[in-house]
Amino acid sequence: MDVREYIRKAVQALGAEAPFVELEVPKVAEHGDLSTPVAMTLARGLGRPPRAVAEEIAAVLSGEEPFERVEVAGPGFINFTFKREFLYGELGRLLKDPSRYLRKEMGKGQRLQVEFVSANPTGPLHLGHGRGAAVGAALSNLLQRAGYDVEREFYVNDAGRQVRLLGESIFSRYKEVLGLSWPFPQEGYRGEYVRGLAETLIRTEGERFKDSEFDEVAGEFIRFGVEQMLKEIEDDLRGFGVVFDRWQSERALYEEGLVQRCLDELRGKGKVYEKEGALWFRSTEYGDDKDRVVIKSDGSPTYFASDIAYHWYKIHRGFQGLINIWGADHHGYIPRIKAVIRALGYPEERLRVLLVQMVTLLRGGVPVQMSKRAGEFVTLREVVEEVGADTTKFIFLTRRPDSHLEFDIEVAKKESAENPVYYVQYAHARIQSIFAKAEEQGLELGEAAGLDRLKEEEEIGLIKKLLLYPLMFEGAVREMEPHRVTFYLQELAGLFHPYYNRHRVLGEEPGLSRARLSLCRAVMAVLGEGLSILGVTAPKRM
């Protein structure tokens, strides 16, 4: 339903250059099926009142085949209502090739890297990590369907103080399990999982570190802790249906000389300098309130050093767009990394950062405070084991990622409209059951035909909603907002269930039943497409 082409031709008829045509669905149904503010965009360049421009465009469009009505409203909005024949024709196109109709080629093979989760390998994944995983995976799926070449990456923070603290925490528990004593680090990791790691080490290595000092075996304990935690993280993510193409080690950036190469390049560009024995990045050139230390006076790197090198390395690997999905607490760090992109000689738009807020877990409206296994927080694994990966992912995507989310376990387990994922999946399963019954009755569907038999108000509403999927898809890709798919699916299910309850699909005159089966098939195709983007299964029965 490429309405934009009609609008562009009408704009060119005015002697103007057609801009990107913004389309939206009017909030009031009486205002039409679609609306555009394009006249208000053009008015200044034409030196004419927006409404006058809108009326000229509307006059040209009124004679075009798809439109029942073209009306001007307010200061210059143009509202469109489509002819039924056009809607039936578009529904037929959708049914003929759903993937081609529903997906819009936007990426043209452009290479994008989506880096998400990237949790420190110092403890189990919590719900905040799970929400980031759901957003990152859904966004990657969305971008791939739009024709981008997407690589999913997990950045492993396996260098620095945090992993040393993990190693020392395991060492202390190792000694404790063996009946010995070693002071627990003040800021160490106190979760029960650390004792479990120590016990695993004893089973595999025995007591050979029994008489050691930590500094003598730090490397082995750190390496063991990181490897075990990464294995657990990868297992949890796989159980959540999230798989990465690449796991990039921070430590490897140092070991392979990439940090030094990056700093040498910045030094050659005059973007770093030495002062008081330390190496500084000229971040004030890019609006920061002060320059930032990269290498301390004692020769040790700051975490900023590897972050600079990591983003430099991403660009050198040939990615034309970088998307980072971070926790909301990293908000203040965005300008600094964008400054790095600019210092390396690239536009800051090369990097896009999406922020994900934390999740409050409830049980029947009451906050859940502690985890049985992790000690300090509820793990992603615990929630997935109780309510399932599909439900967890879907609920994570029911709000914008940068807004706070309350996740109620009891609601998530309900088999009712109150549970959003159940409501959507049940619509898909219902349609599967309709087709199973149609087959039992010997009703062959064949090619979509007789779609003009669909005259009920609810049927026209469903058709219009189905045909709006490509517009929703395009907006979700452009704004990188996979939650738009979730919203759309809930709205589509909200139209289908009342229709199903009010109108019989089978048992009507065969021509009408076939037309309604075609409509159901289109709804099922769109539900399946949207659910697959979210990484949620489309069940055949429930």
Protein backbone atom coordinates (compact mmCIF):
# COMPACT_ATOMS: atom_id res chain seq x y z
CA MET A 1 0.00 0.00 0.00
CA ASP A 2 2.53 2.60 -1.19
CA VAL A 3 0.47 5.72 -0.59
CA ARG A 4 3.67 7.77 -0.54
CA GLU A 5 4.11 7.39 -4.31
CA TYR A 6 0.73 8.99 -4.93
CA ILE A 7 1.57 11.84 -2.55
CA ARG A 8 5.02 12.39 -4.10
CA LYS A 9 3.49 12.68 -7.57
CA ALA A 10 0.95 15.18 -6.27
CA VAL A 11 3.72 17.23 -4.63
CA GLN A 12 5.75 17.20 -7.86
CA ALA A 13 2.67 18.43 -9.71
CA LEU A 14 2.93 21.56 -7.57
CA GLY A 15 6.48 22.09 -8.81
CA ALA A 16 7.96 21.17 -5.42
CA GLU A 17 10.54 18.56 -4.52
CA ALA A 18 8.93 15.72 -2.59
CA PRO A 19 10.32 15.28 0.94
CA PHE A 20 10.10 12.14 3.02
CA VAL A 21 6.36 11.67 3.40
CA GLU A 22 5.34 11.09 7.00
CA LEU A 23 2.21 8.98 7.45
CA GLU A 24 0.22 8.36 10.59
CA VAL A 25 -3.04 6.75 11.65
CA PRO A 26 -5.60 9.34 12.79
CA LYS A 27 -6.62 8.95 16.42
CA VAL A 28 -10.28 9.42 15.46
CA ALA A 29 -11.58 6.85 12.96
CA GLU A 30 -13.90 9.41 11.34
CA HIS A 31 -10.82 11.34 10.18
CA GLY A 32 -9.91 8.58 7.74
CA ASP A 33 -7.56 5.64 7.40
CA LEU A 34 -4.28 7.56 7.08
CA SER A 35 -3.10 11.13 7.46
CA THR A 36 -0.04 13.14 6.40
CA PRO A 37 1.35 16.53 7.50
CA VAL A 38 3.40 16.83 4.29
CA ALA A 39 1.74 20.13 3.30
CA MET A 40 2.99 21.76 6.52
CA THR A 41 6.50 20.51 5.74
CA LEU A 42 6.36 22.03 2.24
CA ALA A 43 4.61 25.29 3.07
CA ARG A 44 7.64 27.32 4.18
CA GLY A 45 9.69 26.42 1.10
CA LEU A 46 6.76 27.29 -1.17
CA GLY A 47 6.05 30.50 0.72
CA ARG A 48 2.36 29.65 1.00
CA PRO A 49 -0.09 28.83 3.82
CA PRO A 50 -0.02 25.11 4.76
CA ARG A 51 -3.75 24.66 4.32
CA ALA A 52 -3.65 26.09 0.80
CA VAL A 53 -0.85 23.67 -0.10
CA ALA A 54 -2.83 20.81 1.45
CA GLU A 55 -5.93 21.69 -0.57
CA GLU A 56 -3.96 21.64 -3.84
CA ILE A 57 -2.42 18.25 -3.01
CA ALA A 58 -5.84 16.93 -1.99
CA ALA A 59 -7.37 18.10 -5.27
CA VAL A 60 -4.78 16.12 -7.26
CA LEU A 61 -5.17 13.01 -5.07
CA SER A 62 -8.97 12.98 -5.13
CA GLY A 63 -8.93 11.56 -8.63
CA GLU A 64 -6.56 8.71 -7.79
CA GLU A 65 -7.89 5.15 -7.80
CA PRO A 66 -7.26 4.02 -4.19
CA PHE A 67 -9.05 6.88 -2.44
CA GLU A 68 -12.69 7.05 -1.47
CA ARG A 69 -12.15 10.47 0.11
CA VAL A 70 -9.26 12.90 0.47
CA GLU A 71 -9.94 15.70 2.95
CA VAL A 72 -8.01 18.59 4.47
CA ALA A 73 -8.25 19.09 8.22
CA GLY A 74 -6.93 21.56 10.76
CA PRO A 75 -3.90 23.67 9.79
CA GLY A 76 -3.01 21.44 6.83
CA PHE A 77 -3.35 17.73 7.53
CA ILE A 78 -4.47 15.60 4.59
CA ASN A 79 -6.68 12.65 5.55
CA PHE A 80 -7.27 9.63 3.31
CA THR A 81 -10.06 7.06 3.27
CA PHE A 82 -9.53 4.05 0.99
CA LYS A 83 -12.01 2.38 -1.32
CA ARG A 84 -13.08 -1.10 -0.34
CA GLU A 85 -11.93 -2.49 -3.67
CA PHE A 86 -8.44 -1.22 -2.95
CA LEU A 87 -8.45 -2.84 0.51
CA TYR A 88 -9.53 -6.20 -0.94
CA GLY A 89 -6.81 -5.99 -3.58
CA GLU A 90 -4.13 -5.24 -0.99
CA LEU A 91 -5.34 -8.10 1.21
CA GLY A 92 -4.97 -10.39 -1.79
CA ARG A 93 -1.38 -9.20 -2.29
CA LEU A 94 -0.61 -9.88 1.37
CA LEU A 95 -2.02 -13.39 1.12
CA LYS A 96 -0.08 -14.13 -2.07
CA ASP A 97 3.35 -13.36 -0.57
CA PRO A 98 3.20 -12.37 3.12
CA SER A 99 6.95 -11.91 3.64
CA ARG A 100 7.35 -9.65 0.63
CA TYR A 101 4.28 -7.60 1.57
CA LEU A 102 5.02 -7.23 5.27
CA ARG A 103 8.76 -6.49 5.13
CA LYS A 104 10.24 -3.33 3.64
CA GLU A 105 13.74 -3.32 2.15
CA MET A 106 15.53 -0.49 3.95
CA GLY A 107 19.02 -1.70 4.80
CA LYS A 108 20.29 -2.78 1.37
CA GLY A 109 22.91 -4.99 3.00
CA GLN A 110 24.39 -2.28 5.22
CA ARG A 111 26.47 -3.88 8.00
CA LEU A 112 25.25 -3.13 11.51
CA GLN A 113 26.58 -4.37 14.82
CA VAL A 114 24.19 -4.66 17.75
CA GLU A 115 26.03 -5.01 21.05
CA PHE A 116 23.78 -5.90 23.98
CA VAL A 117 23.63 -7.52 27.41
CA SER A 118 27.45 -7.38 27.89
CA ALA A 119 26.99 -8.17 31.59
CA ASN A 120 30.11 -8.35 33.75
CA PRO A 121 30.99 -12.06 34.05
CA THR A 122 30.93 -11.74 37.83
CA GLY A 123 27.45 -13.03 38.63
CA PRO A 124 24.22 -14.48 37.19
CA LEU A 125 22.05 -12.48 34.80
CA HIS A 126 19.33 -10.46 36.51
CA LEU A 127 16.05 -9.20 35.07
CA GLY A 128 17.60 -5.97 33.80
CA HIS A 129 20.01 -8.02 31.71
CA GLY A 130 17.08 -10.09 30.47
CA ARG A 131 15.20 -7.01 29.34
CA GLY A 132 18.28 -5.82 27.45
CA ALA A 133 18.57 -9.26 25.87
CA ALA A 134 14.95 -9.21 24.72
CA VAL A 135 15.31 -5.71 23.24
CA GLY A 136 18.62 -6.48 21.52
CA ALA A 137 17.47 -9.77 20.03
CA ALA A 138 14.16 -8.33 18.79
CA LEU A 139 15.89 -5.27 17.33
CA SER A 140 18.40 -7.50 15.53
CA ASN A 141 15.59 -9.61 14.06
CA LEU A 142 13.72 -6.47 13.01
CA LEU A 143 16.74 -4.95 11.27
CA GLN A 144 17.55 -8.22 9.49
CA ARG A 145 14.05 -8.38 8.05
CA ALA A 146 14.54 -4.84 6.77
CA GLY A 147 17.57 -5.94 4.76
CA TYR A 148 20.44 -5.05 7.09
CA ASP A 149 23.40 -7.37 7.62
CA VAL A 150 23.34 -7.65 11.41
CA GLU A 151 25.93 -9.08 13.79
CA ARG A 152 24.95 -9.65 17.43
CA GLU A 153 27.83 -9.16 19.86
CA PHE A 154 28.39 -9.65 23.60
CA TYR A 155 31.29 -7.60 24.99
CA VAL A 156 32.98 -9.51 27.81
CA ASN A 157 34.38 -7.25 30.53
CA ASP A 158 37.03 -9.75 31.57
CA ALA A 159 39.78 -7.27 32.49
CA GLY A 160 40.21 -5.01 35.50
CA ARG A 161 39.17 -4.78 39.10
CA GLN A 162 35.74 -6.47 38.96
CA VAL A 163 37.01 -9.81 37.68
CA ARG A 164 39.88 -9.69 40.17
CA LEU A 165 37.31 -9.25 42.94
CA LEU A 166 35.43 -12.28 41.60
CA GLY A 167 38.62 -14.35 41.65
CA GLU A 168 39.43 -13.30 45.21
CA SER A 169 35.83 -13.96 46.32
CA ILE A 170 36.05 -17.50 44.94
CA PHE A 171 39.47 -17.95 46.58
CA SER A 172 38.09 -16.91 49.97
CA ARG A 173 35.15 -19.36 49.68
CA TYR A 174 37.54 -22.05 48.44
CA LYS A 175 39.57 -21.71 51.61
CA GLU A 176 36.40 -21.63 53.72
CA VAL A 177 35.00 -24.84 52.18
CA LEU A 178 38.32 -26.52 52.98
CA GLY A 179 38.03 -25.41 56.61
CA LEU A 180 40.65 -22.67 56.27
CA SER A 181 40.42 -18.92 56.58
CA TRP A 182 41.05 -16.11 54.13
CA PRO A 183 39.67 -12.56 54.54
CA PHE A 184 36.74 -11.96 52.21
CA PRO A 185 37.34 -8.87 50.02
CA GLN A 186 35.39 -5.88 51.31
CA GLU A 187 33.64 -5.30 47.96
CA GLY A 188 33.61 -8.95 46.92
CA TYR A 189 30.69 -10.95 45.57
CA ARG A 190 28.73 -12.52 48.40
CA GLY A 191 26.07 -14.44 46.49
CA GLU A 192 25.64 -18.14 47.11
CA TYR A 193 26.78 -18.77 43.53
CA VAL A 194 30.36 -17.87 44.58
CA ARG A 195 30.42 -20.76 47.06
CA GLY A 196 29.10 -22.99 44.27
CA LEU A 197 32.00 -21.90 42.04
CA ALA A 198 34.48 -22.69 44.83
CA GLU A 199 32.95 -26.15 45.31
CA THR A 200 33.14 -26.81 41.55
CA LEU A 201 36.81 -25.85 41.58
CA ILE A 202 37.49 -28.26 44.44
CA ARG A 203 35.77 -31.08 42.54
CA THR A 204 37.87 -30.44 39.43
CA GLU A 205 41.20 -29.33 40.94
CA GLY A 206 41.12 -30.79 44.42
CA GLU A 207 43.11 -29.08 47.18
CA ARG A 208 46.17 -28.06 45.19
CA PHE A 209 45.65 -24.35 46.02
CA LYS A 210 45.14 -25.08 49.73
CA ASP A 211 48.42 -23.54 50.88
CA SER A 212 48.62 -20.77 48.26
CA GLU A 213 48.39 -17.01 48.70
CA PHE A 214 45.87 -15.32 46.39
CA ASP A 215 48.48 -13.31 44.47
CA GLU A 216 50.26 -16.56 43.62
CA VAL A 217 47.17 -18.07 41.95
CA ALA A 218 45.11 -14.98 41.09
CA GLY A 219 45.27 -15.64 37.33
CA GLU A 220 43.93 -19.18 37.68
CA PHE A 221 41.05 -18.17 39.98
CA ILE A 222 40.12 -15.19 37.82
CA ARG A 223 40.21 -17.28 34.63
CA PHE A 224 38.18 -20.08 36.24
CA GLY A 225 35.58 -17.66 37.61
CA VAL A 226 35.15 -15.81 34.31
CA GLU A 227 34.93 -19.02 32.26
CA GLN A 228 32.34 -20.55 34.59
CA MET A 229 30.23 -17.39 34.75
CA LEU A 230 30.35 -16.92 30.99
CA LYS A 231 29.22 -20.51 30.51
CA GLU A 232 26.30 -19.89 32.88
CA ILE A 233 25.45 -16.60 31.15
CA GLU A 234 25.55 -18.25 27.72
CA ASP A 235 23.37 -21.14 28.95
CA ASP A 236 20.84 -18.72 30.47
CA LEU A 237 20.68 -16.69 27.27
CA ARG A 238 20.30 -19.79 25.11
CA GLY A 239 17.46 -20.93 27.37
CA PHE A 240 15.96 -17.49 26.83
CA GLY A 241 16.22 -17.94 23.07
CA VAL A 242 18.99 -15.37 22.60
CA VAL A 243 22.15 -16.36 20.71
CA PHE A 244 25.14 -14.17 19.85
CA ASP A 245 27.27 -14.26 16.71
CA ARG A 246 30.38 -13.13 18.56
CA TRP A 247 31.73 -12.82 22.10
CA GLN A 248 34.42 -10.12 22.23
CA SER A 249 36.88 -10.23 25.13
CA GLU A 250 38.08 -6.96 26.67
CA ARG A 251 41.27 -8.72 27.78
CA ALA A 252 41.93 -9.69 24.16
CA LEU A 253 41.95 -6.04 23.15
CA TYR A 254 45.06 -5.61 25.31
CA GLU A 255 46.66 -8.97 24.50
CA GLU A 256 46.31 -8.45 20.74
CA GLY A 257 47.71 -4.91 20.91
CA LEU A 258 44.48 -3.27 19.76
CA VAL A 259 44.34 -0.78 22.63
CA GLN A 260 47.87 0.40 21.87
CA ARG A 261 47.19 0.68 18.13
CA CYS A 262 44.08 2.75 18.79
CA LEU A 263 45.89 5.10 21.20
CA ASP A 264 48.73 5.48 18.71
CA GLU A 265 46.20 6.53 16.06
CA LEU A 266 44.63 9.07 18.42
CA ARG A 267 48.08 10.36 19.35
CA GLY A 268 48.82 10.87 15.65
CA LYS A 269 45.61 12.88 15.34
CA GLY A 270 46.52 14.98 18.37
CA LYS A 271 43.51 13.73 20.33
CA VAL A 272 45.49 12.41 23.33
CA TYR A 273 48.31 14.06 25.23
CA GLU A 274 50.54 13.46 28.24
CA LYS A 275 50.32 15.48 31.44
CA GLU A 276 51.57 14.72 34.96
CA GLY A 277 52.74 11.29 33.80
CA ALA A 278 49.27 10.27 32.58
CA LEU A 279 47.71 10.03 29.11
CA TRP A 280 44.60 12.17 28.56
CA PHE A 281 41.86 12.21 25.90
CA ARG A 282 40.87 15.69 24.68
CA SER A 283 37.18 15.24 25.44
CA THR A 284 36.69 18.99 26.09
CA GLU A 285 37.04 19.48 22.33
CA TYR A 286 33.71 17.66 22.04
CA GLY A 287 31.75 19.42 24.76
CA ASP A 288 32.85 17.45 27.85
CA ASP A 289 33.44 19.50 31.02
CA LYS A 290 36.98 18.11 31.39
CA ASP A 291 39.52 15.93 29.60
CA ARG A 292 39.53 12.27 30.62
CA VAL A 293 42.41 10.07 31.77
CA VAL A 294 43.10 7.08 29.53
CA ILE A 295 46.33 5.75 31.07
CA LYS A 296 47.04 6.58 34.71
CA SER A 297 50.41 7.88 35.93
CA ASP A 298 51.25 4.38 37.26
CA GLY A 299 50.86 3.00 33.73
CA SER A 300 47.56 1.18 34.34
CA PRO A 301 44.71 1.80 31.90
CA THR A 302 41.33 3.21 32.89
CA TYR A 303 38.19 1.41 31.72
CA PHE A 304 37.85 4.27 29.22
CA ALA A 305 40.97 3.07 27.39
CA SER A 306 39.45 -0.28 26.42
CA ASP A 307 36.09 1.34 25.62
CA ILE A 308 37.82 3.67 23.17
CA ALA A 309 39.70 0.76 21.59
CA TYR A 310 36.58 -1.40 21.45
CA HIS A 311 34.63 1.17 19.43
CA TRP A 312 37.67 1.83 17.22
CA TYR A 313 37.89 -1.92 16.60
CA LYS A 314 34.19 -2.14 15.70
CA ILE A 315 34.62 0.48 12.99
CA HIS A 316 37.79 -1.17 11.70
CA ARG A 317 35.86 -4.42 11.37
CA GLY A 318 33.75 -2.71 8.70
CA PHE A 319 30.48 -1.95 10.47
CA GLN A 320 28.68 1.04 8.98
CA GLY A 321 26.44 1.44 12.01
CA LEU A 322 26.99 0.66 15.69
CA ILE A 323 24.10 0.10 18.07
CA ASN A 324 24.81 -0.23 21.79
CA ILE A 325 22.10 -1.28 24.22
CA TRP A 326 23.04 -0.11 27.71
CA GLY A 327 21.48 0.10 31.13
CA ALA A 328 19.92 3.49 31.89
CA ASP A 329 22.62 4.18 34.49
CA HIS A 330 25.09 4.65 31.58
CA HIS A 331 23.25 7.70 30.27
CA GLY A 332 26.04 10.11 31.16
CA TYR A 333 28.60 7.99 29.31
CA ILE A 334 26.97 8.40 25.90
CA PRO A 335 28.47 11.85 25.04
CA ARG A 336 31.95 10.60 25.94
CA ILE A 337 31.77 7.63 23.58
CA LYS A 338 30.24 9.78 20.84
CA ALA A 339 33.21 12.13 21.34
CA VAL A 340 35.50 9.15 20.71
CA ILE A 341 33.68 8.38 17.44
CA ARG A 342 34.18 11.99 16.32
CA ALA A 343 37.83 12.02 17.42
CA LEU A 344 38.41 8.95 15.27
CA GLY A 345 37.13 10.93 12.30
CA TYR A 346 33.58 9.63 11.95
CA PRO A 347 30.18 11.31 12.41
CA GLU A 348 28.71 10.66 15.85
CA GLU A 349 25.57 9.32 14.14
CA ARG A 350 27.65 6.23 13.35
CA LEU A 351 26.83 5.19 16.94
CA ARG A 352 23.31 4.81 18.31
CA VAL A 353 22.81 4.06 22.01
CA LEU A 354 19.51 2.68 23.33
CA LEU A 355 18.95 2.78 27.09
CA VAL A 356 17.08 0.08 29.00
CA GLN A 357 15.52 0.77 32.38
CA MET A 358 15.49 -1.73 35.20
CA VAL A 359 12.60 -4.06 35.99
CA THR A 360 10.63 -4.25 39.22
CA LEU A 361 9.46 -7.80 39.89
CA LEU A 362 6.08 -8.24 41.55
CA ARG A 363 4.11 -11.23 42.71
CA GLY A 364 0.43 -10.44 42.90
CA GLY A 365 1.23 -6.73 43.10
CA VAL A 366 3.78 -7.13 45.92
CA PRO A 367 7.49 -6.46 45.17
CA VAL A 368 9.75 -9.51 45.22
CA GLN A 369 12.87 -8.66 47.19
CA MET A 370 15.41 -11.46 47.20
CA SER A 371 16.62 -14.38 45.14
CA LYS A 372 16.92 -17.85 46.58
CA ARG A 373 20.09 -18.59 44.64
CA ALA A 374 21.87 -15.32 43.83
CA GLY A 375 21.68 -13.70 47.25
CA GLU A 376 21.15 -10.11 46.12
CA PHE A 377 18.72 -10.16 43.23
CA VAL A 378 16.23 -12.26 41.29
CA THR A 379 17.94 -14.01 38.40
CA LEU A 380 16.64 -14.17 34.86
CA ARG A 381 16.84 -17.97 35.03
CA GLU A 382 14.47 -18.12 38.02
CA VAL A 383 11.81 -16.07 36.24
CA VAL A 384 12.13 -17.96 32.94
CA GLU A 385 11.84 -21.29 34.79
CA GLU A 386 8.61 -20.10 36.43
CA VAL A 387 6.79 -18.30 33.60
CA GLY A 388 8.62 -19.36 30.41
CA ALA A 389 10.88 -17.60 27.91
CA ASP A 390 8.06 -16.52 25.56
CA THR A 391 6.10 -14.76 28.28
CA THR A 392 9.17 -13.15 29.80
CA LYS A 393 10.39 -11.78 26.45
CA PHE A 394 6.99 -10.50 25.39
CA ILE A 395 6.37 -8.69 28.67
CA PHE A 396 9.83 -7.11 28.52
CA LEU A 397 8.79 -5.68 25.14
CA THR A 398 5.39 -4.32 26.19
CA ARG A 399 6.85 -0.91 27.03
CA ARG A 400 9.49 1.37 25.63
CA PRO A 401 12.88 0.12 26.86
CA ASP A 402 13.75 3.49 28.41
CA SER A 403 10.65 3.44 30.62
CA HIS A 404 10.36 1.62 33.93
CA LEU A 405 8.69 -1.80 33.78
CA GLU A 406 6.78 -3.71 36.44
CA PHE A 407 6.74 -7.46 35.82
CA ASP A 408 4.09 -9.32 37.82
CA ILE A 409 4.76 -13.06 37.90
CA GLU A 410 1.17 -13.95 38.80
CA VAL A 411 -0.22 -11.95 35.86
CA ALA A 412 2.39 -13.54 33.56
CA LYS A 413 1.07 -17.01 34.46
CA LYS A 414 -2.60 -16.23 33.77
CA GLU A 415 -4.34 -17.74 30.77
CA SER A 416 -6.53 -14.72 30.10
CA ALA A 417 -6.63 -11.40 28.26
CA GLU A 418 -4.88 -9.89 31.28
CA ASN A 419 -1.72 -11.69 30.15
CA PRO A 420 -0.64 -9.92 26.93
CA VAL A 421 1.39 -12.75 25.41
CA TYR A 422 -1.33 -15.32 26.07
CA TYR A 423 -3.86 -13.04 24.35
CA VAL A 424 -1.71 -12.78 21.21
CA GLN A 425 -0.58 -16.41 21.07
CA TYR A 426 -4.15 -17.59 21.68
CA ALA A 427 -5.29 -15.67 18.59
CA HIS A 428 -2.76 -17.57 16.50
CA ALA A 429 -3.73 -20.92 18.06
CA ARG A 430 -7.43 -20.20 17.54
CA ILE A 431 -6.89 -19.68 13.83
CA GLN A 432 -4.91 -22.93 13.62
CA SER A 433 -7.87 -24.74 15.19
CA ILE A 434 -10.23 -23.14 12.65
CA PHE A 435 -8.13 -24.49 9.79
CA ALA A 436 -7.97 -27.93 11.40
CA LYS A 437 -11.80 -27.99 11.55
CA ALA A 438 -12.07 -26.69 7.97
CA GLU A 439 -9.88 -29.57 6.81
CA GLU A 440 -12.05 -32.06 8.73
CA GLN A 441 -15.10 -30.63 6.95
CA GLY A 442 -13.39 -30.91 3.56
CA LEU A 443 -13.51 -27.16 2.96
CA GLU A 444 -10.66 -26.37 0.60
CA LEU A 445 -9.28 -22.85 0.82
CA GLY A 446 -7.31 -22.65 -2.41
CA GLU A 447 -6.45 -19.21 -3.81
CA ALA A 448 -7.76 -16.15 -1.99
CA ALA A 449 -11.02 -15.38 -3.73
CA GLY A 450 -14.29 -13.69 -2.98
CA LEU A 451 -12.64 -11.25 -0.56
CA ASP A 452 -15.34 -8.72 -1.44
CA ARG A 453 -17.69 -10.94 0.60
CA LEU A 454 -16.03 -9.47 3.69
CA LYS A 455 -18.42 -6.64 4.43
CA GLU A 456 -18.88 -6.70 8.22
CA GLU A 457 -17.57 -3.67 10.07
CA GLU A 458 -15.21 -5.89 12.11
CA GLU A 459 -13.88 -7.48 8.92
CA ILE A 460 -13.07 -4.13 7.33
CA GLY A 461 -11.41 -3.06 10.58
CA LEU A 462 -9.25 -6.21 10.58
CA ILE A 463 -8.28 -5.73 6.92
CA LYS A 464 -7.23 -2.12 7.55
CA LYS A 465 -5.19 -3.16 10.58
CA LEU A 466 -3.43 -5.91 8.62
CA LEU A 467 -2.53 -3.51 5.81
CA LEU A 468 -0.99 -1.09 8.31
CA TYR A 469 1.66 -3.62 9.35
CA PRO A 470 4.24 -2.45 6.75
CA LEU A 471 3.88 1.16 7.94
CA MET A 472 4.35 0.06 11.55
CA PHE A 473 7.34 -2.08 10.50
CA GLU A 474 8.99 0.81 8.69
CA GLY A 475 8.57 3.14 11.69
CA ALA A 476 9.89 0.49 14.09
CA VAL A 477 13.01 0.03 11.95
CA ARG A 478 13.61 3.74 11.42
CA GLU A 479 13.28 4.56 15.13
CA MET A 480 14.82 1.24 16.27
CA GLU A 481 11.80 0.49 18.46
CA PRO A 482 10.88 -3.22 18.42
CA HIS A 483 8.23 -2.63 21.09
CA ARG A 484 6.06 -1.15 18.32
CA VAL A 485 5.65 -4.71 17.02
CA THR A 486 4.39 -5.81 20.44
CA PHE A 487 1.87 -2.97 20.58
CA TYR A 488 0.64 -3.78 17.08
CA LEU A 489 0.19 -7.49 17.82
CA GLN A 490 -1.84 -6.73 20.94
CA GLU A 491 -4.08 -4.40 18.93
CA LEU A 492 -4.51 -6.97 16.14
CA ALA A 493 -5.40 -9.71 18.65
CA GLY A 494 -7.77 -7.22 20.28
CA LEU A 495 -9.64 -6.92 16.97
CA PHE A 496 -9.57 -10.62 16.10
CA HIS A 497 -10.94 -12.14 19.32
CA PRO A 498 -14.21 -10.10 19.32
CA TYR A 499 -14.64 -10.81 15.60
CA TYR A 500 -14.20 -14.55 16.20
CA ASN A 501 -16.70 -14.46 19.06
CA ARG A 502 -19.30 -12.57 17.02
CA HIS A 503 -19.05 -14.13 13.55
CA ARG A 504 -18.85 -17.73 12.39
CA VAL A 505 -16.03 -18.59 10.03
CA LEU A 506 -17.21 -22.12 9.31
CA GLY A 507 -20.82 -23.19 8.82
CA GLU A 508 -21.68 -20.24 6.61
CA GLU A 509 -22.34 -20.37 2.86
CA PRO A 510 -19.11 -21.87 1.35
CA GLY A 511 -18.09 -18.68 -0.50
CA LEU A 512 -18.35 -16.57 2.66
CA SER A 513 -16.57 -19.22 4.74
CA ARG A 514 -13.70 -19.27 2.25
CA ALA A 515 -13.43 -15.49 2.34
CA ARG A 516 -13.36 -15.52 6.13
CA LEU A 517 -10.79 -18.30 6.11
CA SER A 518 -8.65 -16.09 3.87
CA LEU A 519 -8.98 -13.25 6.33
CA CYS A 520 -8.02 -15.58 9.18
CA ARG A 521 -5.03 -16.80 7.19
CA ALA A 522 -3.85 -13.22 6.76
CA VAL A 523 -4.24 -12.54 10.48
CA MET A 524 -2.29 -15.71 11.27
CA ALA A 525 0.50 -14.74 8.85
CA VAL A 526 0.88 -11.30 10.40
CA LEU A 527 0.78 -12.63 13.96
CA GLY A 528 3.42 -15.22 13.05
CA GLU A 529 5.65 -12.63 11.41
CA GLY A 530 5.45 -10.25 14.36
CA LEU A 531 5.98 -12.95 16.98
CA SER A 532 9.04 -14.23 15.13
CA ILE A 533 10.59 -10.74 15.30
CA LEU A 534 10.06 -10.74 19.05
CA GLY A 535 11.58 -14.22 19.33
CA VAL A 536 8.27 -15.60 20.64
CA THR A 537 6.72 -18.84 19.38
CA ALA A 538 3.49 -18.88 17.39
CA PRO A 539 1.71 -21.96 18.85
CA LYS A 540 -0.57 -24.29 16.92
CA ARG A 541 -2.59 -25.13 20.02
CA MET A 542 -2.91 -23.88 23.59
